[in-house]
Amino acid sequence: MNNMQRGETRCVWRVWRATKSFIWDCKNKCSRLYEETLRLTSATVCAQWLHRRVCRIIPRKCWVPLMLSCVLTWTIAAWYYGGLHSEMKNETLKSELRIVLMGKAGTGKSSIRSAILGQKKFVSNLTEQSVTKECSKEKVKRNGRGIMLVDAPGYSDTDLPPETVAKELCRCVRISSLGPHAILLVLHPGHYITEERKTVEALFENFGELMMKYVIFLFSYREDFGHEEMTVEYSVKDLKDERLQELIEKCGNRYYAFHNRASKEDKEKQVSELITMIDKMVEENNDTYYSNEICIQAEALIKKKKEELEREKQKLHQEFNTTFKKIQEENRAKEEELRILKQEKAEKQQQNQIRGDNLCPREIFWKCIWDQITNWFGW
């Protein structure tokens, strides 16, 4: 009876999770559809209203005034659409800004997060242990503007498997409502090791090149770059990793160096400059954002690669087993052949011994000489 109840509970839980995921996807799709159709709907309603008003005043037989009214209607509708688009664009820039913060453990990501949120709430360190183990979302208002910050777990944690980190990164995109306007990738140039390089490259490979439209490289601990007069541009160009420079170029050369040990006033100034850079990127992307569909495609790609690796692993395992069995059979055949040779040699020695017992001393002497001659010449 208890087993049946547990089975029913698991079934209900699975149905609930599937229903919850379906409702979440429908919500995101409807929200995007509303945003895209709002402008066109407003302009269309304006044109239809003007056309109905003009047709009531001007008779249908007067085609010249009717033609002029159509041109006037189109002009006013276009003007209204342009004004509406500009107004909505400004409202978008002033609306809530959704940001995802990503980075390796120990790069000062938590310190940057605290600066953006304007509160000292998270511990910052330079060790390989991450402060954040799973996605977390925080909302704050800066200068009357809402900011949603989603912090992803450190993707190089030794106690978290890569599959779990990838799922958490996709979860960060999901919990940021419609999707993030910007993805801040925190790096420490002085600690950019081989493992982190592979992770960053795999990140772009799995999540698609479209992700590059929304990425800003955020270099932490600007104070460690060298002298204060050394520019950030020079420091980035001086990076020894050519692959990282190539990724920065593909992302539109968007990068910012953050002074983690700066005073509170300087951090506020840095955050304002960073938000200005994000707003500029949002404007260049036509107010779009990194949608959940892209993340779903990335998850499917990761799953596909994982299945391919599993198939390749099974194939190599089968080849190894086949080769191992073949070697075992060859060894058994050689052992059997060696055993037969030893047995034949023993029988031959036994026959020679029996034959020698029946020989006289003279015959034994000449037999020994003959055996020596045959051994010398290999007969």
Foldseek 3Di string as FASTA:
>chain_A
DVVVVVVVVVVVVVVVVVVVVVVLVVQLVVVVVCVVCVLVVVLVVQLVVQLVVQCVVDPPVPVVVNVVSNVVSVVVSVVVSVVVLVVVLVVLLQEEAEEEEAEAAQQQSLLLVCLLQVHDDFDHHRDRAWRDDAWDWDWHDDPNGIYIYIYATHCPRPVDDNVRSLVRVLVSQSVSRFGHLAYEYEDALVPCDPVNVVVVVVVCVLLDLVNLLRYAYEYEQPVVLDDPPDDPVVSLVPRPDVVVVVSCVSSVVHYYYDNSPDDSVVSNVSSVVVSVSSSVSCVVVVNDHDGSVSSVSSVVSVVVVVVVVVVVVVVVVVVVVVVVVVVVVVVVVVVVVVVVVVVVVVVVVVVVVVVVVPDDPVVVVVVVVVVVVCVVVVD
